[in-house]
Each structure stands twice: as C-alpha cells, then as structure tokens.
C-alpha cells in the first residue's frame, strides 16, 4: 500500500476507466493542496464484466438493463 504525504489529497480515484479494457492502464489523478495535479498510469486486473459493471454503476444496474432489453 502506498502512503501519501498529508499534503496530498485525492480528488479523483480513477479516471478514464469508462474507456478501459483489460490490460489497458487506468489513470490515478491526485490533486495536491496547492492545486497542482499528478497523473499516475496504473495497471488494473479488472475483467471485461467488472469494467462493464463499473460503467453501469453496479452489477445490479447492468442486470436490470439487460433484463429490460430482453
């Protein structure tokens, strides 16, 4: 686990995950107290299904959407 100095505050956990695919990096966006931002490319282990769940807000939202379209 990475410990961040207290002068760094998270403002956005993951960005660009909605455009992600397995094996494609995601970006962590960190905003410091002075307003400057740091972008960190990170690997993830999410499957296609997990990315789709994330995009829909939850697995239940995805199941509901699929049931309504069937």
Protein backbone atom coordinates (compact mmCIF):
# COMPACT_ATOMS: atom_id res chain seq x y z
CA UNK A 1 0.00 0.00 0.00
CA UNK A 2 1.23 3.47 -0.85
CA UNK A 3 1.20 6.05 1.92
CA UNK A 4 0.75 9.58 0.66
CA UNK A 5 2.08 12.62 2.50
CA UNK A 6 -0.62 14.61 4.25
CA UNK A 7 -0.05 17.44 1.76
CA UNK A 8 -1.62 15.33 -0.98
CA UNK A 9 -5.37 14.88 -1.16
CA UNK A 10 -7.21 12.52 -3.50
CA UNK A 11 -9.78 14.24 -5.69
CA UNK A 12 -10.41 11.56 -8.27
CA UNK A 13 -9.72 7.92 -7.70
CA UNK A 14 -9.66 6.65 -11.27
CA UNK A 15 -10.12 8.49 -14.50
CA UNK A 16 -10.62 7.07 -17.97
CA UNK A 17 -11.85 3.74 -16.56
CA UNK A 18 -15.01 4.05 -18.64
CA UNK A 19 -12.80 3.75 -21.73
CA UNK A 20 -10.73 0.94 -20.24
CA UNK A 21 -10.28 -2.60 -21.43
CA UNK A 22 -8.42 -5.45 -19.76
CA UNK A 23 -4.69 -4.82 -19.95
CA UNK A 24 -5.08 -1.11 -20.75
CA UNK A 25 -3.75 1.16 -17.98
CA UNK A 26 -6.02 3.46 -15.99
CA UNK A 27 -5.00 6.82 -14.59
CA UNK A 28 -4.95 7.95 -10.99
CA UNK A 29 -5.46 11.69 -10.66
CA UNK A 30 -4.04 13.22 -7.48
CA UNK A 31 -4.59 16.88 -6.59
CA UNK A 32 -2.14 18.40 -4.14
CA UNK A 33 -3.08 21.03 -1.56
CA UNK A 34 -1.56 23.74 -3.79
CA UNK A 35 -3.94 22.74 -6.61
CA UNK A 36 -1.33 21.12 -8.83
CA UNK A 37 -2.19 17.71 -10.19
CA UNK A 38 -0.25 14.50 -10.60
CA UNK A 39 -1.36 11.79 -13.04
CA UNK A 40 -0.14 8.24 -12.43
CA UNK A 41 -0.63 5.48 -15.01
CA UNK A 42 -1.58 2.28 -13.21
CA UNK A 43 -2.28 -1.32 -14.15
CA UNK A 44 -5.57 -2.95 -13.16
CA UNK A 45 -6.84 -6.50 -13.02
CA UNK A 46 -10.50 -5.85 -13.85
CA UNK A 47 -12.20 -8.21 -16.28
CA UNK A 48 -14.48 -7.13 -19.12
CA UNK A 49 -17.50 -7.91 -16.91
CA UNK A 50 -16.12 -5.88 -13.99
CA UNK A 51 -15.42 -2.89 -16.23
CA UNK A 52 -18.97 -3.10 -17.58
CA UNK A 53 -20.35 -3.23 -14.01
CA UNK A 54 -18.29 -0.15 -13.14
CA UNK A 55 -19.55 1.69 -16.22
CA UNK A 56 -23.18 0.96 -15.27
CA UNK A 57 -22.68 1.90 -11.61
CA UNK A 58 -23.12 -1.64 -10.27
CA UNK A 59 -23.70 -5.23 -11.33
CA UNK A 60 -27.38 -4.86 -10.40
CA UNK A 61 -27.80 -1.90 -12.76
CA UNK A 62 -26.31 -3.97 -15.57
CA UNK A 63 -28.55 -6.96 -14.80
CA UNK A 64 -31.61 -4.69 -14.77
CA UNK A 65 -30.64 -3.08 -18.07
CA UNK A 66 -30.10 -6.47 -19.72
CA UNK A 67 -33.42 -7.80 -18.35
CA UNK A 68 -35.31 -4.76 -19.67
CA UNK A 69 -33.82 -5.14 -23.14
CA UNK A 70 -34.57 -8.87 -23.37
